[in-house]
Amino acid sequence: MPLIKVQTSTSAPQKSETETLLKNLSAKLSKHLGKPESYVMTAFESEIPMTFAGTSDPVCYIEIKSVGTMKPEQTQAMSQDFCQQINQSLGVPKNRIYIEFADAKGAMWGWNGSTFG
């Protein structure tokens, strides 16, 4: 049910580093949202042509979606945590990272042949 999707203009790290990044993001998202990690999905796309502030310097866009309502204190903490993680892992400056937080209604999120609503 929770999803964190990372899209970046940077090259992908080695496969093992990418896997470690995704596992870290999964564990952190589970903790931030208080939801079982067994429902968390992660995705990573690299080398996407992107610009920010009119330049093609390294940039990153992150989507975080979850069934239910994320509170402002949760999104603030996640922004700080995930910007730091992406900066350390991919070298993207924090001021070149956008994060979109999206709440989803249970009926609008399918899984295992059904929905969560």
N, C-alpha and C. Protein backbone atom coordinates (compact mmCIF):
# COMPACT_ATOMS: atom_id res chain seq x y z
N MET A 1 0.82 -1.20 0.00
CA MET A 1 0.00 0.00 0.00
C MET A 1 0.86 1.25 0.00
N PRO A 2 1.85 1.42 0.86
CA PRO A 2 2.74 2.58 0.66
C PRO A 2 3.69 2.33 -0.51
N LEU A 3 3.97 3.40 -1.24
CA LEU A 3 4.89 3.35 -2.37
C LEU A 3 5.84 4.52 -2.28
N ILE A 4 7.12 4.25 -2.53
CA ILE A 4 8.08 5.32 -2.72
C ILE A 4 8.78 5.06 -4.05
N LYS A 5 8.67 6.04 -4.94
CA LYS A 5 9.24 5.94 -6.29
C LYS A 5 10.23 7.07 -6.47
N VAL A 6 11.45 6.71 -6.84
CA VAL A 6 12.53 7.68 -7.02
C VAL A 6 12.87 7.76 -8.51
N GLN A 7 12.81 8.96 -9.05
CA GLN A 7 13.24 9.21 -10.42
C GLN A 7 14.35 10.24 -10.37
N THR A 8 15.44 9.95 -11.07
CA THR A 8 16.58 10.85 -11.02
C THR A 8 17.28 10.96 -12.37
N SER A 9 17.96 12.07 -12.55
CA SER A 9 18.74 12.27 -13.77
C SER A 9 20.11 11.63 -13.66
N THR A 10 20.50 11.23 -12.45
CA THR A 10 21.83 10.68 -12.25
C THR A 10 21.92 9.23 -12.75
N SER A 11 23.13 8.77 -12.94
CA SER A 11 23.36 7.38 -13.30
C SER A 11 23.04 6.49 -12.11
N ALA A 12 22.62 5.29 -12.39
CA ALA A 12 22.32 4.35 -11.31
C ALA A 12 23.61 3.90 -10.64
N PRO A 13 23.57 3.78 -9.33
CA PRO A 13 24.73 3.18 -8.66
C PRO A 13 24.80 1.69 -9.06
N GLN A 14 25.82 1.02 -8.60
CA GLN A 14 25.93 -0.41 -8.88
C GLN A 14 24.69 -1.11 -8.33
N LYS A 15 24.38 -2.27 -8.91
CA LYS A 15 23.16 -3.00 -8.56
C LYS A 15 23.02 -3.22 -7.05
N SER A 16 24.09 -3.60 -6.40
CA SER A 16 24.02 -3.86 -4.96
C SER A 16 23.73 -2.58 -4.17
N GLU A 17 24.28 -1.46 -4.61
CA GLU A 17 24.02 -0.18 -3.95
C GLU A 17 22.58 0.27 -4.17
N THR A 18 22.05 0.03 -5.37
CA THR A 18 20.66 0.37 -5.65
C THR A 18 19.73 -0.47 -4.78
N GLU A 19 20.04 -1.75 -4.67
CA GLU A 19 19.22 -2.65 -3.84
C GLU A 19 19.27 -2.21 -2.38
N THR A 20 20.43 -1.82 -1.89
CA THR A 20 20.56 -1.34 -0.52
C THR A 20 19.75 -0.07 -0.32
N LEU A 21 19.82 0.86 -1.28
CA LEU A 21 19.04 2.09 -1.21
C LEU A 21 17.55 1.78 -1.12
N LEU A 22 17.06 0.91 -2.00
CA LEU A 22 15.63 0.58 -2.00
C LEU A 22 15.21 -0.09 -0.70
N LYS A 23 16.03 -0.96 -0.16
CA LYS A 23 15.70 -1.61 1.11
C LYS A 23 15.67 -0.59 2.25
N ASN A 24 16.60 0.36 2.24
CA ASN A 24 16.61 1.41 3.27
C ASN A 24 15.37 2.28 3.16
N LEU A 25 15.01 2.66 1.93
CA LEU A 25 13.82 3.49 1.73
C LEU A 25 12.57 2.74 2.18
N SER A 26 12.50 1.45 1.90
CA SER A 26 11.36 0.64 2.30
C SER A 26 11.21 0.60 3.82
N ALA A 27 12.29 0.34 4.51
CA ALA A 27 12.25 0.26 5.98
C ALA A 27 11.87 1.62 6.57
N LYS A 28 12.45 2.69 6.02
CA LYS A 28 12.16 4.02 6.54
C LYS A 28 10.71 4.42 6.30
N LEU A 29 10.18 4.11 5.11
CA LEU A 29 8.80 4.47 4.81
C LEU A 29 7.84 3.71 5.74
N SER A 30 8.11 2.45 5.96
CA SER A 30 7.30 1.65 6.87
C SER A 30 7.28 2.28 8.26
N LYS A 31 8.44 2.68 8.73
CA LYS A 31 8.55 3.28 10.07
C LYS A 31 7.83 4.63 10.13
N HIS A 32 8.04 5.47 9.14
CA HIS A 32 7.41 6.80 9.14
C HIS A 32 5.89 6.69 9.13
N LEU A 33 5.36 5.73 8.38
CA LEU A 33 3.91 5.62 8.24
C LEU A 33 3.28 4.67 9.26
N GLY A 34 4.10 3.92 9.96
CA GLY A 34 3.57 2.97 10.93
C GLY A 34 2.81 1.83 10.27
N LYS A 35 3.24 1.45 9.07
CA LYS A 35 2.58 0.37 8.34
C LYS A 35 3.57 -0.77 8.12
N PRO A 36 3.07 -2.00 8.02
CA PRO A 36 3.97 -3.15 7.84
C PRO A 36 4.80 -3.02 6.56
N GLU A 37 6.08 -3.32 6.68
CA GLU A 37 6.95 -3.25 5.50
C GLU A 37 6.54 -4.27 4.44
N SER A 38 5.81 -5.30 4.85
CA SER A 38 5.36 -6.32 3.89
C SER A 38 4.44 -5.73 2.82
N TYR A 39 3.91 -4.52 3.03
CA TYR A 39 3.05 -3.86 2.04
C TYR A 39 3.78 -2.76 1.26
N VAL A 40 5.00 -2.42 1.65
CA VAL A 40 5.72 -1.29 1.04
C VAL A 40 6.34 -1.71 -0.30
N MET A 41 6.16 -0.85 -1.31
CA MET A 41 6.79 -1.06 -2.62
C MET A 41 7.75 0.10 -2.88
N THR A 42 8.89 -0.22 -3.47
CA THR A 42 9.86 0.80 -3.85
C THR A 42 10.13 0.69 -5.35
N ALA A 43 10.49 1.80 -5.96
CA ALA A 43 10.85 1.81 -7.38
C ALA A 43 11.96 2.83 -7.58
N PHE A 44 12.83 2.55 -8.54
CA PHE A 44 13.96 3.44 -8.82
C PHE A 44 14.17 3.52 -10.33
N GLU A 45 14.19 4.74 -10.84
CA GLU A 45 14.47 4.98 -12.26
C GLU A 45 15.59 6.00 -12.36
N SER A 46 16.62 5.67 -13.10
CA SER A 46 17.77 6.56 -13.23
C SER A 46 17.93 7.03 -14.67
N GLU A 47 18.81 7.99 -14.84
CA GLU A 47 19.18 8.54 -16.15
C GLU A 47 17.96 9.04 -16.93
N ILE A 48 17.03 9.64 -16.21
CA ILE A 48 15.85 10.24 -16.84
C ILE A 48 16.21 11.67 -17.22
N PRO A 49 15.97 12.06 -18.47
CA PRO A 49 16.22 13.46 -18.83
C PRO A 49 15.32 14.37 -18.00
N MET A 50 15.92 15.23 -17.21
CA MET A 50 15.17 16.11 -16.31
C MET A 50 15.89 17.45 -16.21
N THR A 51 15.13 18.49 -15.91
CA THR A 51 15.72 19.78 -15.57
C THR A 51 15.07 20.28 -14.30
N PHE A 52 15.75 21.18 -13.63
CA PHE A 52 15.22 21.87 -12.45
C PHE A 52 15.90 23.23 -12.43
N ALA A 53 15.12 24.27 -12.22
CA ALA A 53 15.64 25.64 -12.21
C ALA A 53 16.38 25.97 -13.51
N GLY A 54 15.93 25.36 -14.60
CA GLY A 54 16.49 25.67 -15.90
C GLY A 54 17.81 25.01 -16.22
N THR A 55 18.26 24.07 -15.36
CA THR A 55 19.53 23.39 -15.64
C THR A 55 19.32 21.87 -15.62
N SER A 56 20.25 21.18 -16.20
CA SER A 56 20.21 19.71 -16.18
C SER A 56 21.19 19.14 -15.16
N ASP A 57 21.58 19.95 -14.18
CA ASP A 57 22.40 19.45 -13.07
C ASP A 57 21.63 18.32 -12.38
N PRO A 58 22.31 17.46 -11.60
CA PRO A 58 21.62 16.34 -10.96
C PRO A 58 20.34 16.78 -10.23
N VAL A 59 19.29 15.99 -10.44
CA VAL A 59 17.97 16.32 -9.89
C VAL A 59 17.25 15.02 -9.55
N CYS A 60 16.27 15.11 -8.65
CA CYS A 60 15.53 13.93 -8.25
C CYS A 60 14.09 14.31 -7.94
N TYR A 61 13.17 13.43 -8.34
CA TYR A 61 11.75 13.57 -8.03
C TYR A 61 11.31 12.29 -7.34
N ILE A 62 10.66 12.45 -6.19
CA ILE A 62 10.23 11.31 -5.39
C ILE A 62 8.72 11.37 -5.21
N GLU A 63 8.05 10.25 -5.41
CA GLU A 63 6.62 10.14 -5.12
C GLU A 63 6.45 9.23 -3.92
N ILE A 64 5.65 9.68 -2.96
CA ILE A 64 5.30 8.86 -1.82
C ILE A 64 3.78 8.81 -1.75
N LYS A 65 3.24 7.60 -1.87
CA LYS A 65 1.79 7.42 -1.85
C LYS A 65 1.44 6.41 -0.77
N SER A 66 0.28 6.64 -0.14
CA SER A 66 -0.15 5.72 0.91
C SER A 66 -1.66 5.81 1.08
N VAL A 67 -2.27 4.68 1.42
CA VAL A 67 -3.69 4.67 1.75
C VAL A 67 -3.85 5.31 3.13
N GLY A 68 -4.76 6.25 3.21
CA GLY A 68 -4.97 6.96 4.47
C GLY A 68 -4.46 8.38 4.37
N THR A 69 -4.36 9.02 5.50
CA THR A 69 -3.96 10.43 5.53
C THR A 69 -2.59 10.58 6.19
N MET A 70 -1.68 11.21 5.47
CA MET A 70 -0.38 11.53 6.05
C MET A 70 -0.50 12.89 6.73
N LYS A 71 0.01 12.97 7.93
CA LYS A 71 -0.06 14.21 8.71
C LYS A 71 1.13 15.10 8.36
N PRO A 72 0.96 16.43 8.51
CA PRO A 72 2.06 17.35 8.19
C PRO A 72 3.37 17.02 8.90
N GLU A 73 3.30 16.59 10.14
CA GLU A 73 4.55 16.26 10.85
C GLU A 73 5.21 15.02 10.24
N GLN A 74 4.40 14.10 9.69
CA GLN A 74 4.97 12.93 9.01
C GLN A 74 5.65 13.34 7.71
N THR A 75 4.98 14.16 6.91
CA THR A 75 5.57 14.55 5.62
C THR A 75 6.82 15.39 5.84
N GLN A 76 6.83 16.23 6.86
CA GLN A 76 8.02 17.02 7.17
C GLN A 76 9.20 16.11 7.53
N ALA A 77 8.94 15.13 8.40
CA ALA A 77 10.00 14.20 8.80
C ALA A 77 10.48 13.35 7.63
N MET A 78 9.54 12.91 6.77
CA MET A 78 9.93 12.12 5.61
C MET A 78 10.74 12.95 4.62
N SER A 79 10.35 14.20 4.42
CA SER A 79 11.10 15.07 3.51
C SER A 79 12.55 15.20 3.97
N GLN A 80 12.72 15.46 5.24
CA GLN A 80 14.07 15.60 5.79
C GLN A 80 14.85 14.29 5.63
N ASP A 81 14.25 13.18 6.00
CA ASP A 81 14.91 11.88 5.98
C ASP A 81 15.26 11.44 4.55
N PHE A 82 14.28 11.52 3.65
CA PHE A 82 14.51 11.02 2.29
C PHE A 82 15.41 11.94 1.47
N CYS A 83 15.34 13.25 1.69
CA CYS A 83 16.28 14.15 1.01
C CYS A 83 17.71 13.85 1.44
N GLN A 84 17.89 13.62 2.73
CA GLN A 84 19.22 13.28 3.25
C GLN A 84 19.71 11.96 2.64
N GLN A 85 18.85 10.96 2.59
CA GLN A 85 19.22 9.66 2.04
C GLN A 85 19.62 9.76 0.56
N ILE A 86 18.83 10.48 -0.22
CA ILE A 86 19.12 10.61 -1.66
C ILE A 86 20.39 11.43 -1.87
N ASN A 87 20.58 12.46 -1.07
CA ASN A 87 21.80 13.25 -1.16
C ASN A 87 23.03 12.38 -0.90
N GLN A 88 22.98 11.57 0.14
CA GLN A 88 24.11 10.71 0.48
C GLN A 88 24.31 9.58 -0.54
N SER A 89 23.22 9.00 -1.01
CA SER A 89 23.32 7.84 -1.90
C SER A 89 23.60 8.20 -3.35
N LEU A 90 23.00 9.30 -3.82
CA LEU A 90 23.10 9.64 -5.24
C LEU A 90 23.85 10.94 -5.51
N GLY A 91 24.12 11.71 -4.46
CA GLY A 91 24.84 12.97 -4.63
C GLY A 91 23.99 14.11 -5.15
N VAL A 92 22.67 13.94 -5.12
CA VAL A 92 21.78 15.02 -5.57
C VAL A 92 21.63 16.02 -4.42
N PRO A 93 21.92 17.31 -4.67
CA PRO A 93 21.75 18.30 -3.61
C PRO A 93 20.30 18.34 -3.12
N LYS A 94 20.11 18.54 -1.83
CA LYS A 94 18.78 18.55 -1.24
C LYS A 94 17.87 19.60 -1.88
N ASN A 95 18.45 20.71 -2.31
CA ASN A 95 17.62 21.76 -2.91
C ASN A 95 17.28 21.48 -4.37
N ARG A 96 17.63 20.27 -4.84
CA ARG A 96 17.26 19.85 -6.20
C ARG A 96 16.44 18.56 -6.14
N ILE A 97 15.75 18.37 -5.03
CA ILE A 97 14.88 17.21 -4.83
C ILE A 97 13.47 17.69 -4.51
N TYR A 98 12.53 17.23 -5.28
CA TYR A 98 11.11 17.46 -4.99
C TYR A 98 10.51 16.15 -4.51
N ILE A 99 9.61 16.24 -3.55
CA ILE A 99 8.87 15.07 -3.07
C ILE A 99 7.38 15.38 -3.16
N GLU A 100 6.65 14.49 -3.79
CA GLU A 100 5.19 14.62 -3.83
C GLU A 100 4.59 13.58 -2.89
N PHE A 101 3.82 14.04 -1.93
CA PHE A 101 3.11 13.15 -1.01
C PHE A 101 1.66 13.06 -1.47
N ALA A 102 1.13 11.86 -1.60
CA ALA A 102 -0.25 11.70 -2.05
C ALA A 102 -0.96 10.66 -1.19
N ASP A 103 -2.07 11.09 -0.60
CA ASP A 103 -2.95 10.18 0.13
C ASP A 103 -3.86 9.49 -0.88
N ALA A 104 -4.16 8.24 -0.65
CA ALA A 104 -5.07 7.50 -1.53
C ALA A 104 -6.21 6.92 -0.72
N LYS A 105 -7.39 6.95 -1.29
CA LYS A 105 -8.54 6.29 -0.67
C LYS A 105 -8.35 4.79 -0.86
N GLY A 106 -8.75 4.01 0.13
CA GLY A 106 -8.58 2.56 0.07
C GLY A 106 -9.19 1.93 -1.16
N ALA A 107 -10.34 2.43 -1.59
CA ALA A 107 -11.01 1.87 -2.76
C ALA A 107 -10.28 2.18 -4.06
N MET A 108 -9.32 3.11 -4.02
CA MET A 108 -8.57 3.51 -5.21
C MET A 108 -7.20 2.85 -5.26
N TRP A 109 -6.96 1.87 -4.41
CA TRP A 109 -5.67 1.20 -4.35
C TRP A 109 -5.93 -0.31 -4.37
N GLY A 110 -5.56 -0.97 -5.46
CA GLY A 110 -5.81 -2.40 -5.60
C GLY A 110 -4.62 -3.24 -5.21
N TRP A 111 -4.93 -4.44 -4.76
CA TRP A 111 -3.90 -5.42 -4.38
C TRP A 111 -4.54 -6.80 -4.26
N ASN A 112 -3.88 -7.80 -4.75
CA ASN A 112 -4.28 -9.17 -4.55
C ASN A 112 -5.72 -9.45 -5.02
N GLY A 113 -6.11 -8.81 -6.13
CA GLY A 113 -7.42 -9.02 -6.69
C GLY A 113 -8.55 -8.29 -6.00
N SER A 114 -8.21 -7.37 -5.11
CA SER A 114 -9.23 -6.60 -4.39
C SER A 114 -8.72 -5.19 -4.21
N THR A 115 -9.30 -4.45 -3.29
CA THR A 115 -8.82 -3.11 -2.93
C THR A 115 -8.73 -3.01 -1.42
N PHE A 116 -8.18 -1.92 -0.94
CA PHE A 116 -8.07 -1.69 0.50
C PHE A 116 -9.28 -0.95 1.08
N GLY A 117 -10.31 -0.73 0.24
CA GLY A 117 -11.46 0.02 0.74
C GLY A 117 -12.76 -0.67 0.49
